[in-house]
């Protein structure tokens, strides 16, 4: 089973609270809502395509709680995201979440070590297991080398003021062999990263030889 991370990020790497100031104020974050001013007509079809290709959704507890509160209220049959989240298969990683609080359609709670649970899940399944939001979970899966593809929408805004960042200090250095990017209306960029190489790429430097720049 392919494991994909699907996320909205700002130019400074923030992925926290894109949908509103109160969406995720944890850590005292006050910069939420940075995505909303951008016209969904420009980037919404990309998100619809993400969800059209999902076999199951994997979430951390905080993101699960936020989504469980919001998405059941969306009953529009043409809303692809709502259809998948409300009616599709979901997994939530939590050692403390009660069965009552996890009651949202087809939801399974993974109560063990997150890395072990996800590794076992991908080994016995097929299709695309998609992580949405879930900053802490994404970081653990990234550092364990379990992410097969990152699908990112990068918005032309600098949030500043802290916030949870997709790749922050201490993240496992990683290079990618097959990156692609597409510019969308409104300045949003759709990025797909595959072929992860933990440890990053070989460090090189520029040099000048016979008056010409070259790579040493």
C-alpha atoms as a PDB file:
ATOM      1  CA  UNK A   1       0.000   0.000   0.000  1.00  0.00           C
ATOM      2  CA  UNK A   2       1.404   3.383  -0.982  1.00  0.00           C
ATOM      3  CA  UNK A   3       1.622   5.911   1.848  1.00  0.00           C
ATOM      4  CA  UNK A   4       1.132   9.522   0.789  1.00  0.00           C
ATOM      5  CA  UNK A   5       1.267  12.782   2.723  1.00  0.00           C
ATOM      6  CA  UNK A   6      -1.136  15.385   1.354  1.00  0.00           C
ATOM      7  CA  UNK A   7      -0.767  18.862   2.813  1.00  0.00           C
ATOM      8  CA  UNK A   8      -1.294  22.583   2.413  1.00  0.00           C
ATOM      9  CA  UNK A   9       1.841  24.576   3.240  1.00  0.00           C
ATOM     10  CA  UNK A  10       2.841  28.237   3.225  1.00  0.00           C
ATOM     11  CA  UNK A  11       6.076  29.562   1.755  1.00  0.00           C
ATOM     12  CA  UNK A  12       7.644  29.349   5.195  1.00  0.00           C
ATOM     13  CA  UNK A  13       6.509  25.748   5.596  1.00  0.00           C
ATOM     14  CA  UNK A  14       3.576  26.257   7.971  1.00  0.00           C
ATOM     15  CA  UNK A  15       0.818  23.654   7.726  1.00  0.00           C
ATOM     16  CA  UNK A  16      -1.103  24.584  10.882  1.00  0.00           C
ATOM     17  CA  UNK A  17      -4.601  26.037  10.809  1.00  0.00           C
ATOM     18  CA  UNK A  18      -4.988  26.789   7.098  1.00  0.00           C
ATOM     19  CA  UNK A  19      -8.783  26.865   7.274  1.00  0.00           C
ATOM     20  CA  UNK A  20      -9.396  29.421  10.007  1.00  0.00           C
ATOM     21  CA  UNK A  21      -8.002  31.247  13.068  1.00  0.00           C
ATOM     22  CA  UNK A  22      -9.662  28.784  15.463  1.00  0.00           C
ATOM     23  CA  UNK A  23      -9.082  25.641  13.433  1.00  0.00           C
ATOM     24  CA  UNK A  24      -5.915  24.734  15.349  1.00  0.00           C
ATOM     25  CA  UNK A  25      -4.683  27.326  17.856  1.00  0.00           C
ATOM     26  CA  UNK A  26      -2.509  24.822  19.748  1.00  0.00           C
ATOM     27  CA  UNK A  27       0.815  26.174  20.924  1.00  0.00           C
ATOM     28  CA  UNK A  28      -0.653  29.673  20.977  1.00  0.00           C
ATOM     29  CA  UNK A  29      -0.733  29.844  17.172  1.00  0.00           C
ATOM     30  CA  UNK A  30      -2.660  32.901  15.996  1.00  0.00           C
ATOM     31  CA  UNK A  31      -1.888  32.823  12.266  1.00  0.00           C
ATOM     32  CA  UNK A  32      -4.648  30.452  11.156  1.00  0.00           C
ATOM     33  CA  UNK A  33      -6.840  31.056   8.118  1.00  0.00           C
ATOM     34  CA  UNK A  34      -3.984  31.819   5.723  1.00  0.00           C
ATOM     35  CA  UNK A  35      -5.366  29.562   2.967  1.00  0.00           C
ATOM     36  CA  UNK A  36      -8.918  30.955   2.870  1.00  0.00           C
ATOM     37  CA  UNK A  37      -8.244  34.127   0.819  1.00  0.00           C
ATOM     38  CA  UNK A  38      -7.062  32.048  -2.144  1.00  0.00           C
ATOM     39  CA  UNK A  39      -9.781  31.180  -4.660  1.00  0.00           C
ATOM     40  CA  UNK A  40     -10.635  27.498  -4.309  1.00  0.00           C
ATOM     41  CA  UNK A  41     -11.433  27.376  -8.031  1.00  0.00           C
ATOM     42  CA  UNK A  42      -7.705  27.535  -8.692  1.00  0.00           C
ATOM     43  CA  UNK A  43      -6.578  24.717  -6.424  1.00  0.00           C
ATOM     44  CA  UNK A  44      -9.720  22.841  -5.353  1.00  0.00           C
ATOM     45  CA  UNK A  45      -9.640  20.414  -8.303  1.00  0.00           C
ATOM     46  CA  UNK A  46      -6.207  19.212  -7.166  1.00  0.00           C
ATOM     47  CA  UNK A  47      -7.603  18.335  -3.735  1.00  0.00           C
ATOM     48  CA  UNK A  48     -10.597  16.613  -5.335  1.00  0.00           C
ATOM     49  CA  UNK A  49      -8.143  14.524  -7.367  1.00  0.00           C
ATOM     50  CA  UNK A  50      -6.266  13.594  -4.189  1.00  0.00           C
ATOM     51  CA  UNK A  51      -9.420  12.302  -2.553  1.00  0.00           C
ATOM     52  CA  UNK A  52     -10.669  10.603  -5.707  1.00  0.00           C
ATOM     53  CA  UNK A  53      -7.578   8.402  -5.580  1.00  0.00           C
ATOM     54  CA  UNK A  54      -7.657   7.453  -1.915  1.00  0.00           C
ATOM     55  CA  UNK A  55      -8.192   3.932  -0.629  1.00  0.00           C
ATOM     56  CA  UNK A  56      -8.155   4.992   3.023  1.00  0.00           C
ATOM     57  CA  UNK A  57      -7.340   8.066   5.107  1.00  0.00           C
ATOM     58  CA  UNK A  58      -4.860   8.033   7.988  1.00  0.00           C
ATOM     59  CA  UNK A  59      -5.062  10.744  10.647  1.00  0.00           C
ATOM     60  CA  UNK A  60      -3.514  11.758  13.927  1.00  0.00           C
ATOM     61  CA  UNK A  61      -5.822  12.291  16.866  1.00  0.00           C
ATOM     62  CA  UNK A  62      -5.901  16.106  16.760  1.00  0.00           C
ATOM     63  CA  UNK A  63      -6.660  16.283  13.040  1.00  0.00           C
ATOM     64  CA  UNK A  64      -9.229  13.492  13.376  1.00  0.00           C
ATOM     65  CA  UNK A  65     -11.061  15.426  16.115  1.00  0.00           C
ATOM     66  CA  UNK A  66     -11.136  18.602  14.025  1.00  0.00           C
ATOM     67  CA  UNK A  67     -12.359  16.806  10.922  1.00  0.00           C
ATOM     68  CA  UNK A  68     -14.977  14.791  12.829  1.00  0.00           C
ATOM     69  CA  UNK A  69     -16.477  18.011  14.123  1.00  0.00           C
ATOM     70  CA  UNK A  70     -16.636  19.720  10.734  1.00  0.00           C
ATOM     71  CA  UNK A  71     -17.080  17.300   7.847  1.00  0.00           C
ATOM     72  CA  UNK A  72     -20.249  15.449   8.925  1.00  0.00           C
ATOM     73  CA  UNK A  73     -21.995  18.833   8.617  1.00  0.00           C
ATOM     74  CA  UNK A  74     -21.146  18.912   4.892  1.00  0.00           C
ATOM     75  CA  UNK A  75     -23.920  16.929   3.193  1.00  0.00           C
ATOM     76  CA  UNK A  76     -23.469  18.255  -0.347  1.00  0.00           C
ATOM     77  CA  UNK A  77     -23.315  15.077  -2.505  1.00  0.00           C
ATOM     78  CA  UNK A  78     -21.003  16.831  -4.957  1.00  0.00           C
ATOM     79  CA  UNK A  79     -18.381  17.559  -2.305  1.00  0.00           C
ATOM     80  CA  UNK A  80     -15.736  14.898  -2.962  1.00  0.00           C
ATOM     81  CA  UNK A  81     -13.787  15.515   0.231  1.00  0.00           C
ATOM     82  CA  UNK A  82     -16.881  15.163   2.419  1.00  0.00           C
ATOM     83  CA  UNK A  83     -17.974  12.014   0.601  1.00  0.00           C
ATOM     84  CA  UNK A  84     -14.621  10.297   1.206  1.00  0.00           C
ATOM     85  CA  UNK A  85     -14.201  11.424   4.802  1.00  0.00           C
ATOM     86  CA  UNK A  86     -17.767  10.709   5.869  1.00  0.00           C
ATOM     87  CA  UNK A  87     -18.264   7.459   3.991  1.00  0.00           C
ATOM     88  CA  UNK A  88     -14.789   6.091   3.356  1.00  0.00           C
ATOM     89  CA  UNK A  89     -12.347   4.028   5.377  1.00  0.00           C
ATOM     90  CA  UNK A  90     -10.382   5.911   8.004  1.00  0.00           C
ATOM     91  CA  UNK A  91      -7.631   5.065  10.481  1.00  0.00           C
ATOM     92  CA  UNK A  92      -6.756   7.242  13.452  1.00  0.00           C
ATOM     93  CA  UNK A  93      -3.555   6.823  15.444  1.00  0.00           C
ATOM     94  CA  UNK A  94      -4.226   7.204  19.174  1.00  0.00           C
ATOM     95  CA  UNK A  95      -3.521   5.282  22.357  1.00  0.00           C
ATOM     96  CA  UNK A  96      -6.186   7.152  24.336  1.00  0.00           C
ATOM     97  CA  UNK A  97      -9.098   7.846  21.962  1.00  0.00           C
ATOM     98  CA  UNK A  98     -12.304   6.201  23.177  1.00  0.00           C
ATOM     99  CA  UNK A  99     -14.515   4.189  20.851  1.00  0.00           C
ATOM    100  CA  UNK A 100     -17.259   6.782  21.356  1.00  0.00           C
ATOM    101  CA  UNK A 101     -15.022   9.647  20.292  1.00  0.00           C
ATOM    102  CA  UNK A 102     -13.816   7.590  17.304  1.00  0.00           C
ATOM    103  CA  UNK A 103     -17.363   6.943  16.067  1.00  0.00           C
ATOM    104  CA  UNK A 104     -17.373   8.451  12.571  1.00  0.00           C
ATOM    105  CA  UNK A 105     -18.361   6.114   9.779  1.00  0.00           C
ATOM    106  CA  UNK A 106     -15.813   3.396   8.980  1.00  0.00           C
ATOM    107  CA  UNK A 107     -13.088   4.318  11.476  1.00  0.00           C
ATOM    108  CA  UNK A 108     -10.452   2.035  13.021  1.00  0.00           C
ATOM    109  CA  UNK A 109      -8.269   3.182  15.914  1.00  0.00           C
ATOM    110  CA  UNK A 110      -4.601   2.169  15.739  1.00  0.00           C
ATOM    111  CA  UNK A 111      -3.551   2.061  19.395  1.00  0.00           C
ATOM    112  CA  UNK A 112       0.014   0.744  19.181  1.00  0.00           C
ATOM    113  CA  UNK A 113       3.279   2.393  18.195  1.00  0.00           C
ATOM    114  CA  UNK A 114       2.398   4.626  15.204  1.00  0.00           C
ATOM    115  CA  UNK A 115       5.351   3.599  13.043  1.00  0.00           C
ATOM    116  CA  UNK A 116       4.783  -0.108  13.667  1.00  0.00           C
ATOM    117  CA  UNK A 117       1.027   0.186  13.133  1.00  0.00           C
ATOM    118  CA  UNK A 118       1.392   2.059   9.843  1.00  0.00           C
ATOM    119  CA  UNK A 119       4.148  -0.217   8.567  1.00  0.00           C
ATOM    120  CA  UNK A 120       1.927  -3.256   9.206  1.00  0.00           C
ATOM    121  CA  UNK A 121      -1.079  -1.543   7.646  1.00  0.00           C
ATOM    122  CA  UNK A 122       0.704  -0.678   4.411  1.00  0.00           C
ATOM    123  CA  UNK A 123       2.243  -4.146   4.189  1.00  0.00           C
ATOM    124  CA  UNK A 124      -1.109  -5.906   4.152  1.00  0.00           C
ATOM    125  CA  UNK A 125      -3.161  -3.413   2.128  1.00  0.00           C
ATOM    126  CA  UNK A 126      -3.163  -1.949  -1.361  1.00  0.00           C
ATOM    127  CA  UNK A 127      -4.031   1.338  -3.018  1.00  0.00           C
ATOM    128  CA  UNK A 128      -3.226   4.782  -1.595  1.00  0.00           C
ATOM    129  CA  UNK A 129      -3.251   5.387   2.160  1.00  0.00           C
ATOM    130  CA  UNK A 130      -3.423   9.168   2.507  1.00  0.00           C
ATOM    131  CA  UNK A 131      -2.346  11.247   5.487  1.00  0.00           C
ATOM    132  CA  UNK A 132      -3.988  14.670   5.723  1.00  0.00           C
ATOM    133  CA  UNK A 133      -2.860  17.281   8.234  1.00  0.00           C
ATOM    134  CA  UNK A 134      -1.605  15.307  11.255  1.00  0.00           C
ATOM    135  CA  UNK A 135       1.677  17.158  11.725  1.00  0.00           C
ATOM    136  CA  UNK A 136       3.111  14.992  14.519  1.00  0.00           C
ATOM    137  CA  UNK A 137       2.216  11.760  12.739  1.00  0.00           C
ATOM    138  CA  UNK A 138       3.703  12.994   9.465  1.00  0.00           C
ATOM    139  CA  UNK A 139       6.945  13.837  11.208  1.00  0.00           C
ATOM    140  CA  UNK A 140       7.196  10.349  12.737  1.00  0.00           C
ATOM    141  CA  UNK A 141       6.468   8.647   9.411  1.00  0.00           C
ATOM    142  CA  UNK A 142       8.939  10.889   7.584  1.00  0.00           C
ATOM    143  CA  UNK A 143      11.734  10.178  10.053  1.00  0.00           C
ATOM    144  CA  UNK A 144      11.005   6.435   9.775  1.00  0.00           C
ATOM    145  CA  UNK A 145      11.270   6.580   5.969  1.00  0.00           C
ATOM    146  CA  UNK A 146       7.717   5.302   5.417  1.00  0.00           C
ATOM    147  CA  UNK A 147       6.366   8.078   3.165  1.00  0.00           C
ATOM    148  CA  UNK A 148       6.249   7.104  -0.519  1.00  0.00           C
ATOM    149  CA  UNK A 149       4.960  10.378  -1.942  1.00  0.00           C
ATOM    150  CA  UNK A 150       4.377  13.927  -0.744  1.00  0.00           C
ATOM    151  CA  UNK A 151       1.614  15.886  -2.478  1.00  0.00           C
ATOM    152  CA  UNK A 152       1.793  19.521  -1.450  1.00  0.00           C
ATOM    153  CA  UNK A 153      -0.094  22.664  -2.332  1.00  0.00           C
ATOM    154  CA  UNK A 154       2.274  25.565  -1.648  1.00  0.00           C
ATOM    155  CA  UNK A 155       0.509  28.898  -1.137  1.00  0.00           C
ATOM    156  CA  UNK A 156       2.223  32.248  -1.839  1.00  0.00           C
ATOM    157  CA  UNK A 157       2.014  33.552   1.700  1.00  0.00           C
ATOM    158  CA  UNK A 158       4.468  33.828   4.592  1.00  0.00           C
ATOM    159  CA  UNK A 159       2.617  33.078   7.820  1.00  0.00           C
ATOM    160  CA  UNK A 160       5.398  33.806  10.317  1.00  0.00           C
ATOM    161  CA  UNK A 161       4.831  33.674  14.052  1.00  0.00           C
ATOM    162  CA  UNK A 162       5.675  30.046  14.676  1.00  0.00           C
ATOM    163  CA  UNK A 163       3.228  27.304  13.766  1.00  0.00           C
ATOM    164  CA  UNK A 164       3.655  23.645  12.942  1.00  0.00           C
ATOM    165  CA  UNK A 165       5.943  23.221   9.943  1.00  0.00           C
ATOM    166  CA  UNK A 166       6.026  20.273   7.570  1.00  0.00           C
ATOM    167  CA  UNK A 167       9.815  19.979   7.741  1.00  0.00           C
ATOM    168  CA  UNK A 168      11.244  21.785  10.727  1.00  0.00           C
ATOM    169  CA  UNK A 169      14.498  21.627  12.646  1.00  0.00           C
ATOM    170  CA  UNK A 170      15.589  18.060  13.322  1.00  0.00           C
ATOM    171  CA  UNK A 171      13.676  16.433  10.441  1.00  0.00           C
ATOM    172  CA  UNK A 172      15.440  13.576   8.696  1.00  0.00           C
ATOM    173  CA  UNK A 173      17.513  15.028   5.804  1.00  0.00           C
ATOM    174  CA  UNK A 174      15.942  13.728   2.606  1.00  0.00           C
ATOM    175  CA  UNK A 175      16.413  14.187  -1.125  1.00  0.00           C
ATOM    176  CA  UNK A 176      13.912  13.287  -3.852  1.00  0.00           C
ATOM    177  CA  UNK A 177      14.647  11.729  -7.223  1.00  0.00           C
ATOM    178  CA  UNK A 178      11.399  12.508  -9.016  1.00  0.00           C
ATOM    179  CA  UNK A 179       9.986  15.931  -8.054  1.00  0.00           C
ATOM    180  CA  UNK A 180       7.308  17.570 -10.197  1.00  0.00           C
ATOM    181  CA  UNK A 181       5.598  20.941  -9.852  1.00  0.00           C
ATOM    182  CA  UNK A 182       2.665  22.637 -11.566  1.00  0.00           C
ATOM    183  CA  UNK A 183       1.770  26.317 -11.268  1.00  0.00           C
ATOM    184  CA  UNK A 184      -1.931  26.875 -10.634  1.00  0.00           C
ATOM    185  CA  UNK A 185      -4.073  30.007 -11.001  1.00  0.00           C
ATOM    186  CA  UNK A 186      -3.565  32.486  -8.173  1.00  0.00           C
ATOM    187  CA  UNK A 187       0.080  31.621  -7.616  1.00  0.00           C
ATOM    188  CA  UNK A 188      -0.469  28.307  -5.839  1.00  0.00           C
ATOM    189  CA  UNK A 189       1.995  25.565  -6.786  1.00  0.00           C
ATOM    190  CA  UNK A 190       1.153  21.860  -6.763  1.00  0.00           C
ATOM    191  CA  UNK A 191       4.232  19.822  -5.865  1.00  0.00           C
ATOM    192  CA  UNK A 192       4.680  16.049  -5.898  1.00  0.00           C
ATOM    193  CA  UNK A 193       7.782  14.484  -4.392  1.00  0.00           C
ATOM    194  CA  UNK A 194       8.692  10.839  -4.941  1.00  0.00           C
ATOM    195  CA  UNK A 195      11.816   8.743  -4.710  1.00  0.00           C
ATOM    196  CA  UNK A 196      12.811   9.824  -1.206  1.00  0.00           C
ATOM    197  CA  UNK A 197      16.440   9.312  -0.226  1.00  0.00           C
ATOM    198  CA  UNK A 198      17.053   9.564   3.483  1.00  0.00           C
ATOM    199  CA  UNK A 199      20.295  11.299   4.329  1.00  0.00           C
ATOM    200  CA  UNK A 200      19.712  13.891   1.629  1.00  0.00           C
ATOM    201  CA  UNK A 201      21.849  14.339  -1.438  1.00  0.00           C
ATOM    202  CA  UNK A 202      25.592  14.532  -1.831  1.00  0.00           C
ATOM    203  CA  UNK A 203      26.860  17.976  -0.873  1.00  0.00           C
ATOM    204  CA  UNK A 204      28.518  19.760  -3.808  1.00  0.00           C
ATOM    205  CA  UNK A 205      29.832  23.270  -4.379  1.00  0.00           C
ATOM    206  CA  UNK A 206      30.401  25.733  -7.184  1.00  0.00           C
ATOM    207  CA  UNK A 207      33.923  26.609  -8.288  1.00  0.00           C
ATOM    208  CA  UNK A 208      35.503  28.818 -10.920  1.00  0.00           C
ATOM    209  CA  UNK A 209      37.902  27.222 -13.398  1.00  0.00           C
ATOM    210  CA  UNK A 210      39.436  29.116 -16.317  1.00  0.00           C
ATOM    211  CA  UNK A 211      36.956  31.943 -15.647  1.00  0.00           C
ATOM    212  CA  UNK A 212      33.918  29.677 -15.916  1.00  0.00           C
ATOM    213  CA  UNK A 213      31.630  28.392 -13.193  1.00  0.00           C
ATOM    214  CA  UNK A 214      31.569  24.655 -12.654  1.00  0.00           C
ATOM    215  CA  UNK A 215      30.433  22.177 -10.037  1.00  0.00           C
ATOM    216  CA  UNK A 216      33.256  20.827  -7.922  1.00  0.00           C
END
